[in-house]
Protein backbone atom coordinates (compact mmCIF):
# COMPACT_ATOMS: atom_id res chain seq x y z
CA MET A 1 25.17 28.07 -34.00
CA VAL A 2 23.28 28.62 -30.78
CA PRO A 3 23.21 24.72 -29.84
CA ILE A 4 26.99 24.54 -30.46
CA LEU A 5 27.39 27.46 -28.36
CA VAL A 6 25.17 25.93 -25.38
CA LEU A 7 27.23 22.60 -25.62
CA LEU A 8 30.37 24.36 -25.46
CA ALA A 9 29.05 26.43 -22.56
CA VAL A 10 28.16 23.19 -20.74
CA ALA A 11 31.55 21.33 -21.46
CA ALA A 12 33.56 24.55 -20.52
CA ALA A 13 31.57 25.08 -17.35
CA TRP A 14 32.28 21.86 -15.82
CA PRO A 15 34.40 22.35 -12.71
CA GLY A 16 37.72 22.43 -13.92
CA ALA A 17 39.68 21.95 -10.77
CA GLY A 18 38.72 18.09 -10.66
CA VAL A 19 35.13 17.49 -9.66
CA ALA A 20 35.23 14.35 -11.43
CA ALA A 21 34.14 11.86 -8.86
CA ALA A 22 32.66 11.26 -5.47
CA HIS A 23 34.11 11.87 -1.78
CA ALA A 24 35.32 9.12 0.11
CA VAL A 25 32.03 6.73 0.77
CA LEU A 26 31.39 5.13 3.84
CA VAL A 27 30.89 1.19 3.12
CA GLY A 28 30.73 -0.12 6.50
CA ALA A 29 30.86 0.22 10.19
CA ASP A 30 31.70 -2.39 12.97
CA PRO A 31 29.62 -2.48 14.91
CA ALA A 32 26.74 -1.78 12.45
CA TYR A 33 24.32 1.00 12.67
CA GLY A 34 21.53 -0.05 15.12
CA VAL A 35 22.90 -3.20 16.09
CA ALA A 36 22.06 -4.78 19.64
CA LEU A 37 25.11 -6.46 21.17
CA GLU A 38 25.06 -9.13 23.70
CA THR A 39 28.93 -8.02 24.94
CA SER A 40 30.85 -5.00 24.84
CA PRO A 41 33.14 -4.68 21.50
CA ALA A 42 36.62 -4.63 21.70
CA SER A 43 37.12 -1.74 18.69
CA MET A 44 34.95 0.44 16.52
CA THR A 45 35.81 0.31 12.59
CA VAL A 46 34.76 2.55 9.89
CA SER A 47 35.32 1.47 6.38
CA PHE A 48 35.44 3.67 3.08
CA ASP A 49 35.71 2.93 -0.70
CA GLU A 50 39.06 4.68 -0.77
CA PRO A 51 41.94 5.51 1.31
CA VAL A 52 41.43 8.36 3.90
CA THR A 53 43.74 10.44 6.41
CA ALA A 54 42.91 9.62 9.86
CA VAL A 55 44.36 11.23 12.94
CA GLY A 56 44.24 10.42 16.86
CA ASN A 57 40.73 11.66 17.16
CA THR A 58 39.24 11.01 13.74
CA VAL A 59 36.52 8.35 15.35
CA THR A 60 35.11 9.15 18.70
CA VAL A 61 32.66 6.96 20.56
CA VAL A 62 30.71 8.21 23.49
CA ASP A 63 27.98 6.91 25.77
CA SER A 64 24.53 8.26 26.17
CA GLY A 65 25.90 10.98 28.69
CA GLY A 66 28.57 12.17 26.31
CA ARG A 67 31.55 10.68 27.90
CA ARG A 68 34.10 9.27 25.47
CA VAL A 69 34.73 5.26 25.56
CA ASP A 70 37.43 5.08 23.06
CA ASP A 71 41.13 5.44 23.68
CA GLY A 72 41.54 8.54 21.32
CA GLN A 73 44.14 6.75 19.07
CA ALA A 74 42.48 6.01 15.80
CA ARG A 75 44.66 4.00 13.42
CA SER A 76 44.65 3.22 9.82
CA ALA A 77 43.93 -0.49 8.32
CA ASP A 78 43.14 -2.10 5.04
CA GLY A 79 45.58 0.11 3.23
CA GLY A 80 44.17 3.38 4.59
CA ARG A 81 40.43 2.27 3.82
CA SER A 82 39.46 1.58 7.46
CA VAL A 83 40.06 3.56 10.64
CA VAL A 84 39.93 1.78 13.88
CA VAL A 85 39.65 2.92 17.49
CA ALA A 86 39.87 0.80 20.59
CA LEU A 87 37.07 0.87 22.96
CA GLN A 88 37.13 0.55 26.91
CA PRO A 89 36.61 -3.06 28.06
CA ASP A 90 33.26 -4.03 29.65
CA LEU A 91 31.16 -1.28 28.25
CA PRO A 92 27.97 -0.87 30.61
CA VAL A 93 24.44 -1.62 28.95
CA GLY A 94 23.51 1.40 26.86
CA THR A 95 23.46 3.27 23.69
CA TYR A 96 26.72 4.38 22.16
CA LEU A 97 27.20 7.00 19.36
CA ALA A 98 30.18 6.71 17.08
CA SER A 99 31.16 9.76 15.23
CA TRP A 100 34.18 10.27 12.69
CA ALA A 101 35.72 12.98 10.30
CA VAL A 102 38.21 11.74 7.91
CA LEU A 103 39.91 13.62 4.94
CA SER A 104 39.30 11.91 1.78
CA SER A 105 41.86 12.21 -1.20
CA ASP A 106 40.12 14.81 -2.95
CA GLY A 107 40.88 17.23 0.00
CA HIS A 108 37.39 17.09 1.36
CA VAL A 109 36.50 16.31 5.12
CA VAL A 110 33.94 13.50 5.19
CA GLY A 111 32.09 13.01 8.49
CA GLY A 112 29.27 10.79 9.77
CA SER A 113 27.95 8.81 12.72
CA SER A 114 26.31 5.32 13.82
CA VAL A 115 24.66 4.04 16.67
CA PHE A 116 24.83 0.69 18.40
CA GLY A 117 23.66 -0.75 21.48
CA VAL A 118 25.26 -2.74 24.14
CA GLY A 119 22.98 -5.34 26.24
CA GLY A 120 19.95 -4.24 24.33
CA PRO A 121 18.46 -2.18 21.36
CA PRO A 122 20.19 1.37 20.88
CA ASP A 123 18.23 4.63 21.13
CA LEU A 124 18.32 5.56 17.35
CA SER A 125 17.15 9.23 18.10
CA ALA A 126 20.81 9.97 19.26
CA GLY A 127 21.96 12.93 17.34
CA ASP A 128 25.25 13.66 15.81
CA PRO A 129 27.74 15.89 18.05
CA PRO A 130 28.16 19.46 16.59
CA ARG A 131 31.18 19.92 14.46
CA ASP A 132 34.26 21.90 15.83
CA PRO A 133 33.79 25.61 14.97
CA THR A 134 37.50 25.56 13.98
CA THR A 135 37.27 22.86 11.82
CA VAL A 136 34.09 24.53 10.03
CA ALA A 137 36.03 27.80 9.57
CA ALA A 138 39.31 26.11 8.30
CA ASP A 139 36.98 24.07 5.66
CA THR A 140 35.32 27.53 4.59
CA MET A 141 38.65 29.51 4.32
CA SER A 142 40.08 26.63 1.89
CA ARG A 143 37.28 26.72 -0.13
CA LEU A 144 37.44 30.40 -0.72
CA LEU A 145 41.14 30.49 -1.16
CA GLY A 146 40.50 28.14 -4.09
CA ALA A 147 39.35 31.03 -6.36
CA LEU A 148 42.61 32.86 -5.58
CA GLY A 149 44.50 29.87 -6.30
CA TYR A 150 43.07 29.47 -9.75
CA LEU A 151 43.58 33.16 -10.64
CA GLY A 152 47.38 32.75 -9.37
CA VAL A 153 47.86 29.57 -11.49
CA ALA A 154 46.30 31.56 -14.83
CA LEU A 155 48.84 34.41 -14.16
CA ALA A 156 52.00 32.26 -13.27
CA VAL A 157 51.26 29.56 -16.00
CA GLY A 158 48.70 31.07 -18.51
CA ILE A 159 50.59 34.17 -19.26
CA PRO A 160 53.94 32.43 -19.96
CA ILE A 161 52.41 29.86 -22.34
CA VAL A 162 50.48 32.71 -24.13
CA VAL A 163 53.89 34.91 -24.43
CA LEU A 164 56.09 32.04 -25.44
CA SER A 165 53.48 30.94 -27.84
CA VAL A 166 52.43 34.17 -29.81
CA TRP A 167 54.37 37.12 -28.20
CA ARG A 168 58.02 36.37 -27.79
CA ARG A 169 58.98 39.96 -27.22
CA GLY A 170 56.45 40.06 -24.35
CA ARG A 171 59.28 38.37 -22.11
CA GLU A 172 61.21 41.63 -22.22
CA VAL A 173 58.08 43.58 -21.15
CA PRO A 174 58.10 44.61 -17.33
CA ALA A 175 54.33 44.23 -16.90
CA VAL A 176 54.50 40.70 -17.94
CA THR A 177 57.16 39.73 -15.68
CA GLN A 178 55.38 41.17 -12.67
CA LEU A 179 52.13 39.59 -13.55
CA VAL A 180 53.89 36.26 -13.48
CA ARG A 181 55.54 36.89 -10.22
CA ILE A 182 52.25 38.01 -8.61
CA GLY A 183 50.67 34.84 -9.96
CA GLY A 184 53.73 32.71 -8.54
CA TRP A 185 53.60 34.23 -5.34
CA LEU A 186 49.81 34.16 -5.12
CA THR A 187 49.68 30.59 -5.74
CA ALA A 188 52.48 29.68 -3.48
CA GLY A 189 50.75 31.77 -0.59
CA VAL A 190 47.29 30.15 -1.09
CA SER A 191 48.75 26.71 -1.32
CA VAL A 192 50.80 27.32 2.25
CA ALA A 193 47.65 28.64 3.85
CA ILE A 194 45.50 25.49 2.48
CA PHE A 195 48.43 23.51 3.87
CA VAL A 196 48.49 25.19 7.44
CA ALA A 197 44.87 24.76 7.68
CA LEU A 198 44.78 21.15 7.32
CA PRO A 199 45.63 20.23 11.03
CA ALA A 200 42.40 22.37 11.92
CA ARG A 201 40.28 20.63 9.63
CA LEU A 202 41.52 17.17 10.88
CA ALA A 203 41.55 17.74 14.67
CA GLY A 204 40.13 21.35 15.12
CA THR A 205 42.35 23.86 17.34
CA SER A 206 44.34 21.21 18.94
CA GLY A 207 45.72 20.14 15.76
CA TRP A 208 48.10 22.96 15.27
CA ALA A 209 49.62 21.91 18.38
CA ASP A 210 50.15 18.21 17.66
CA PRO A 211 53.24 17.02 15.76
CA ALA A 212 51.70 13.81 14.89
CA ILE A 213 48.63 15.53 13.22
CA TRP A 214 51.11 17.75 11.07
CA ARG A 215 52.66 14.57 10.05
CA GLN A 216 49.51 13.25 8.78
CA ALA A 217 48.83 16.38 6.97
CA THR A 218 52.06 16.24 5.37
CA GLU A 219 51.42 12.73 4.21
CA SER A 220 47.98 13.36 3.04
CA SER A 221 47.26 13.74 -0.91
CA VAL A 222 46.19 17.36 -0.13
CA GLY A 223 49.14 18.26 1.83
CA ILE A 224 51.55 16.59 -0.80
CA THR A 225 49.99 18.50 -3.58
CA MET A 226 49.84 21.78 -1.84
CA LEU A 227 53.60 21.58 -1.15
CA VAL A 228 54.55 20.31 -4.50
CA ARG A 229 52.36 23.49 -6.00
CA THR A 230 54.13 25.74 -3.83
CA ILE A 231 57.46 24.62 -5.04
CA GLY A 232 56.32 24.89 -8.68
CA ALA A 233 54.84 28.52 -8.15
CA VAL A 234 57.91 29.75 -6.32
CA ALA A 235 60.13 28.72 -9.03
CA LEU A 236 57.85 30.47 -11.45
CA ALA A 237 58.04 33.75 -9.66
CA LEU A 238 61.56 33.67 -9.36
CA ALA A 239 62.80 32.10 -12.67
CA TRP A 240 60.84 33.87 -15.10
CA PRO A 241 61.98 34.23 -18.02
CA ARG A 242 64.47 31.66 -17.86
CA ILE A 243 62.80 29.04 -19.92
CA PRO A 244 64.56 25.96 -18.71
CA VAL A 245 63.12 26.43 -15.34
CA VAL A 246 59.89 28.07 -16.20
CA LEU A 247 58.44 24.85 -18.37
CA PRO A 248 59.04 22.26 -15.84
CA ALA A 249 57.85 24.49 -12.90
CA ALA A 250 54.71 25.36 -15.03
CA ALA A 251 54.08 21.56 -15.51
CA LEU A 252 54.65 20.97 -11.79
CA THR A 253 52.06 23.72 -10.76
CA ILE A 254 49.39 22.47 -13.36
CA VAL A 255 49.64 18.88 -12.60
CA SER A 256 49.56 19.46 -8.62
CA THR A 257 46.45 21.81 -8.89
CA ALA A 258 44.80 19.28 -10.88
CA ALA A 259 45.76 16.50 -8.42
CA ALA A 260 44.19 18.68 -5.43
CA GLY A 261 40.64 17.94 -6.53
CA HIS A 262 38.37 14.89 -7.08
CA ALA A 263 40.50 13.69 -10.03
CA VAL A 264 42.36 11.47 -7.78
CA SER A 265 39.63 9.81 -6.18
CA GLY A 266 37.38 7.09 -7.73
CA ASP A 267 37.93 4.63 -10.46
CA ALA A 268 40.03 5.35 -13.53
CA TRP A 269 41.75 8.10 -11.68
CA VAL A 270 44.72 8.23 -14.23
CA GLY A 271 42.54 9.36 -17.07
CA ALA A 272 40.79 11.64 -14.79
CA LEU A 273 44.06 13.39 -13.66
CA ALA A 274 45.08 13.68 -17.29
CA SER A 275 41.87 15.17 -18.50
CA THR A 276 41.84 17.52 -15.41
CA THR A 277 45.46 18.47 -16.01
CA VAL A 278 44.50 19.54 -19.59
CA HIS A 279 41.53 21.33 -18.29
CA VAL A 280 43.38 23.59 -15.82
CA ALA A 281 45.95 24.03 -18.42
CA ALA A 282 43.35 25.31 -20.95
CA MET A 283 41.68 27.56 -18.62
CA ALA A 284 44.80 29.00 -17.37
CA VAL A 285 45.67 30.14 -21.00
CA TRP A 286 42.43 31.28 -21.42
CA VAL A 287 42.41 33.57 -18.42
CA GLY A 288 45.88 34.44 -18.38
CA GLY A 289 45.47 35.59 -22.18
CA LEU A 290 42.67 37.75 -21.15
CA VAL A 291 44.64 39.45 -18.42
CA LEU A 292 47.47 39.88 -20.73
CA SER A 293 45.48 41.34 -23.33
CA VAL A 294 43.87 43.82 -20.94
CA VAL A 295 47.16 44.92 -19.37
CA VAL A 296 49.19 45.52 -22.45
CA TRP A 297 46.00 47.20 -24.45
CA ARG A 298 48.18 50.15 -25.17
CA ASN A 299 51.37 48.41 -25.94
CA GLN A 300 52.23 48.84 -29.76
CA GLU A 301 52.43 45.17 -29.86
CA ARG A 302 48.86 44.71 -28.79
CA ASP A 303 47.48 43.81 -32.49
CA ARG A 304 49.89 40.88 -32.74
CA LEU A 305 49.05 39.64 -29.51
CA LEU A 306 45.37 39.74 -29.72
CA ALA A 307 45.62 37.95 -33.12
CA GLY A 308 47.71 35.16 -31.80
CA PHE A 309 45.96 34.84 -28.63
CA ALA A 310 42.66 34.52 -30.49
CA ARG A 311 43.86 31.45 -32.16
CA ILE A 312 45.19 29.83 -28.93
CA ALA A 313 42.16 30.91 -27.00
CA PHE A 314 40.20 28.99 -29.71
CA TRP A 315 42.17 25.79 -29.09
CA SER A 316 41.84 26.12 -25.43
CA LEU A 317 38.29 26.50 -25.76
CA LEU A 318 38.18 22.99 -27.67
CA ALA A 319 40.38 21.66 -24.99
CA VAL A 320 38.23 22.83 -22.05
CA ALA A 321 35.20 21.38 -23.94
CA GLY A 322 36.41 18.11 -24.49
CA THR A 323 37.81 17.38 -21.15
CA GLY A 324 34.77 19.18 -19.70
CA LEU A 325 32.40 16.41 -21.28
CA TYR A 326 34.67 13.75 -19.93
CA GLN A 327 34.22 15.23 -16.48
CA ALA A 328 30.53 15.52 -17.03
CA TRP A 329 30.29 11.69 -17.72
CA ARG A 330 31.96 11.04 -14.28
CA SER A 331 30.41 13.49 -12.37
CA VAL A 332 26.60 13.34 -12.67
CA ASP A 333 24.31 10.56 -12.03
CA PRO A 334 21.28 10.78 -12.60
CA PRO A 335 20.91 13.65 -14.79
CA ASP A 336 18.14 15.00 -12.34
CA SER A 337 20.88 15.94 -10.16
CA LEU A 338 21.72 18.92 -12.19
CA TRP A 339 18.65 20.72 -11.27
CA THR A 340 17.68 19.10 -7.75
CA THR A 341 21.03 19.76 -5.76
CA THR A 342 22.87 22.72 -4.84
CA TRP A 343 25.99 21.56 -6.94
CA GLY A 344 23.79 21.05 -9.91
CA ARG A 345 22.30 24.55 -9.71
CA LEU A 346 25.63 26.33 -9.19
CA LEU A 347 26.85 24.62 -12.27
CA LEU A 348 23.83 25.67 -14.42
CA ALA A 349 24.81 29.22 -12.88
CA LYS A 350 28.33 28.89 -14.32
CA ILE A 351 26.91 27.48 -17.74
CA VAL A 352 25.25 31.09 -17.91
CA LEU A 353 28.39 32.56 -17.05
CA VAL A 354 30.14 30.68 -19.89
CA ILE A 355 27.57 31.51 -22.41
CA ALA A 356 28.12 35.12 -21.65
CA VAL A 357 32.06 34.65 -21.84
CA LEU A 358 31.76 32.85 -25.06
CA ALA A 359 29.44 35.53 -26.40
CA ALA A 360 31.73 38.18 -25.57
CA ALA A 361 34.84 36.35 -26.76
CA GLY A 362 32.98 36.06 -30.30
CA LEU A 363 32.15 39.53 -30.56
CA VAL A 364 35.70 40.38 -29.68
CA ARG A 365 36.96 38.33 -32.57
CA THR A 366 34.54 39.91 -34.83
CA LEU A 367 35.53 43.46 -33.86
CA LEU A 368 39.30 42.68 -34.22
CA LEU A 369 38.68 41.50 -37.88
CA ARG A 370 36.83 44.70 -38.47
CA ARG A 371 39.79 46.72 -36.76
CA ARG A 372 37.19 47.99 -34.21
CA PRO A 373 38.21 48.90 -30.50
CA VAL A 374 37.61 46.05 -27.99
CA GLY A 375 38.88 47.27 -24.84
CA ARG A 376 35.63 47.49 -22.74
CA LEU A 377 34.73 43.94 -24.34
CA LEU A 378 37.95 42.48 -23.17
CA ARG A 379 37.49 43.73 -19.53
CA LEU A 380 33.91 42.55 -19.62
CA GLU A 381 35.30 39.32 -20.62
CA LEU A 382 37.84 39.04 -18.09
CA ALA A 383 35.10 40.05 -15.49
CA LEU A 384 33.10 37.20 -16.21
CA GLN A 385 36.06 34.92 -16.23
CA LEU A 386 36.80 35.89 -12.69
CA ALA A 387 33.21 35.22 -11.69
CA ILE A 388 33.62 31.90 -13.43
CA LEU A 389 36.62 31.02 -11.20
CA LEU A 390 34.92 32.17 -8.00
CA VAL A 391 31.72 29.58 -8.66
CA THR A 392 34.37 27.16 -9.71
CA SER A 393 35.98 27.34 -6.29
CA ILE A 394 32.69 26.89 -4.57
CA LEU A 395 31.84 24.00 -6.76
CA VAL A 396 35.14 22.33 -5.78
CA GLY A 397 34.12 22.69 -2.16
CA ALA A 398 30.43 21.53 -2.31
CA VAL A 399 29.19 17.92 -2.38
CA PRO A 400 28.94 16.87 -5.80
CA ALA A 401 25.60 16.08 -7.54
CA ARG A 402 25.67 12.41 -7.52
CA ASP A 403 26.46 12.75 -3.63
CA ALA A 404 24.02 15.07 -2.68
CA TYR A 405 21.18 13.49 -4.98
CA ASP A 406 18.62 12.62 -2.63
CA PRO A 407 15.04 12.40 -4.35
CA PRO A 408 11.85 11.06 -2.50
CA ASP A 409 10.37 7.83 -4.26
CA THR A 410 7.28 5.73 -3.69
CA LEU A 411 7.39 1.85 -4.10
CA LEU A 412 4.39 -0.47 -4.43
CA VAL A 413 4.68 -3.79 -2.65
CA GLN A 414 2.08 -6.62 -3.14
CA LEU A 415 1.30 -8.43 -0.16
CA GLY A 416 -1.15 -11.11 -0.90
CA PRO A 417 -4.50 -9.47 -1.36
CA LEU A 418 -2.98 -6.05 -0.06
CA THR A 419 -0.90 -3.19 -1.51
CA ALA A 420 1.74 -1.18 0.49
CA GLU A 421 2.34 2.18 -0.66
CA VAL A 422 5.80 2.90 0.57
CA ALA A 423 6.86 6.60 0.75
CA VAL A 424 10.46 7.36 1.11
CA ASP A 425 11.50 10.97 2.21
CA GLY A 426 14.69 10.63 0.33
CA THR A 427 16.80 7.80 -1.28
CA GLY A 428 20.08 9.17 -0.87
CA ALA A 429 22.53 7.00 1.20
CA GLY A 430 22.18 8.02 4.83
CA ASP A 431 19.23 8.55 6.96
CA GLN A 432 15.96 7.71 5.53
CA GLU A 433 12.35 7.78 6.73
CA LEU A 434 9.71 5.38 5.34
CA THR A 435 5.92 5.86 5.54
CA VAL A 436 3.70 2.87 4.53
CA ARG A 437 0.05 2.91 3.88
CA LEU A 438 -1.87 -0.59 3.48
CA ALA A 439 -5.00 -0.84 1.12
CA ALA A 440 -7.22 -3.56 -0.08
CA ALA A 441 -7.56 -4.45 -4.04
CA ASP A 442 -10.33 -2.04 -4.31
CA GLY A 443 -8.23 0.90 -2.85
CA THR A 444 -9.97 0.74 0.49
CA PRO A 445 -7.45 1.72 3.30
CA VAL A 446 -6.55 -1.35 5.39
CA GLU A 447 -5.43 -1.34 9.10
CA ALA A 448 -2.76 -3.81 10.37
CA LEU A 449 -1.33 -4.62 13.85
CA GLU A 450 2.46 -4.55 13.09
CA LEU A 451 4.75 -4.05 10.23
CA ASP A 452 8.46 -4.74 9.84
CA GLY A 453 10.93 -4.13 7.15
CA VAL A 454 14.53 -4.96 6.27
CA LEU A 455 16.98 -3.80 3.69
CA THR A 456 19.58 -6.25 2.45
CA ARG A 457 22.44 -6.12 -0.53
CA PRO A 458 22.05 -8.53 -3.28
CA ASP A 459 25.92 -8.90 -3.24
CA GLY A 460 25.77 -9.66 0.69
CA ASP A 461 28.58 -7.12 0.98
CA LEU A 462 26.92 -5.28 4.01
CA GLY A 463 24.71 -6.90 6.83
CA PRO A 464 20.95 -6.09 6.86
CA VAL A 465 19.61 -2.75 7.97
CA GLU A 466 16.45 -3.40 10.05
CA VAL A 467 13.72 -0.69 9.55
CA SER A 468 11.50 -0.58 12.62
CA PHE A 469 8.13 1.07 12.24
CA ARG A 470 5.76 2.67 14.56
CA ARG A 471 2.01 2.58 14.14
CA VAL A 472 0.47 6.28 13.83
CA GLU A 473 -3.24 6.93 14.71
CA PRO A 474 -4.16 10.40 12.77
CA VAL A 475 -5.80 12.79 15.11
CA GLU A 476 -8.78 12.74 12.71
CA LEU A 477 -9.28 9.27 13.30
CA GLY A 478 -8.41 8.24 9.87
CA PRO A 479 -7.13 4.88 8.74
CA THR A 480 -3.65 4.13 10.81
CA TYR A 481 -0.42 3.80 8.85
CA PHE A 482 3.22 2.97 9.66
CA VAL A 483 6.39 5.49 10.04
CA SER A 484 9.82 4.02 10.31
CA ASN A 485 12.29 5.22 12.90
CA SER A 486 15.27 6.85 11.06
CA ALA A 487 16.91 4.17 8.99
CA ARG A 488 20.51 4.62 7.95
CA VAL A 489 21.39 3.21 4.72
CA PRO A 490 25.43 3.26 4.40
CA LEU A 491 25.94 2.64 0.67
CA ALA A 492 24.55 3.44 -2.51
CA GLY A 493 23.45 0.94 -5.10
CA THR A 494 20.53 -1.72 -5.45
CA TRP A 495 19.20 -2.83 -2.16
CA HIS A 496 16.14 -5.13 -1.45
CA LEU A 497 13.40 -4.13 0.91
CA ARG A 498 11.45 -6.98 2.27
CA VAL A 499 8.01 -5.95 4.04
CA THR A 500 6.31 -8.04 6.64
CA VAL A 501 2.83 -7.11 7.92
CA ARG A 502 0.47 -8.69 10.50
CA VAL A 503 -2.96 -7.86 9.59
CA ASP A 504 -4.43 -9.78 12.66
CA ARG A 505 -3.21 -12.63 15.16
CA THR A 506 -3.43 -15.30 12.39
CA THR A 507 -2.97 -13.56 9.19
CA GLY A 508 0.44 -12.21 7.80
CA TYR A 509 1.93 -11.43 4.36
CA ALA A 510 5.64 -10.57 3.23
CA ALA A 511 7.07 -9.49 0.08
CA THR A 512 10.36 -8.11 -1.40
CA VAL A 513 11.07 -5.22 -3.82
CA PRO A 514 14.13 -3.71 -5.41
CA TYR A 515 15.21 -0.51 -3.55
CA ARG A 516 17.29 2.02 -5.15
CA VAL A 517 19.70 4.16 -3.05
CA TRP A 518 21.49 6.92 -4.57
């Protein structure tokens, strides 16, 4: 029994609002990171693995003094997968920092930066510019509102489903009508607030005053789903208990809630959207039924309601478990990311809460069969469910485990008679630092004059990433070793690392090893 309980908890705890795939992932920049150009480029292009929403200042390019050298008019290309901004002609020799912040289809802002040089190598130590405080605040507010939105959906959709399924007389109970209307207006209010925050998430404070950015927000997948959910939620609040209006309005609310998350991004999004829709509906029934059971506890119909709700709650749990397992298959790679990332640790905390909910639900069912009072247990179960909704809202706003996974690694490269131990501080896509120590066959440390590296993709989709090393002489006068300047690897997958070492003026070795980037 215990293993089954844990399995159901793992499945049910999986983020139910669509944490199913990754955010938009950068697949290339032109000019590429770290490149040295002989002539001034005409434009800057950043490309992603899925369409993104871009606005006028989505991409900015500044010189080493912080002065902008782009025209401030970013435009979409390649079906929305690329964003292009024109640059001023005849850029002077120097280092240029490009930064961007786009809205991915899953509703999250994805940012990054790249460095290139004109007339010589760039200064790779150039740091990312700070994010606009208004953008950060709008992002945070949208995430926190998510929990209220889920509660609103549970009241506006879950309660009508429970009433129509097992307690028809509940349509005439004033408390039921009040709960459905509270849920509808709460869902609508949260949806409008998230929509209103979109311009600030895209462009900071100035976004609210720019009609073009409002238009972009309205046309984005997040904007569309929030507006659609508002319509469905308002219809639920006004139409209950008129069934011909309530049923399509409930379907509209559930589908738009599911589509507002990661389910619409990545591969196989149709199946993910269907799975997430079932997941959200099942969770709404479970939470809505609990709220209803607590509110009508003193009603003479309570026994019939609780008996009927116990049946549909069981089927809701099975639906949550099945869809949760599917979400798990899409969300985590590798399993280590569950306990090595913030997202994974939040999920583990949620699993603990779900185990507690399942235990409370099982005890409630047992006491009902014995005709014992269960009022306190129902309130405890509801409190745990609300805690789960809060954790879910944080999970939806956090970087998924597969994106945040950044484990260190150590590679051994055979360079003729030498062995190079390559220690990588973190193998997640993005900035990486490599430390290389050379040793002879017997393990004795070996010094060398120079060491270079280059990362290439076997498929050739991206240009090589040059890895430059500096020679380090320890203070304690131990054997020298090499540390790379920060190397930016833009995309996860299999790469090849080629290491070239020059031991002295006449002797050198080179070798290539596979290099896994997460």
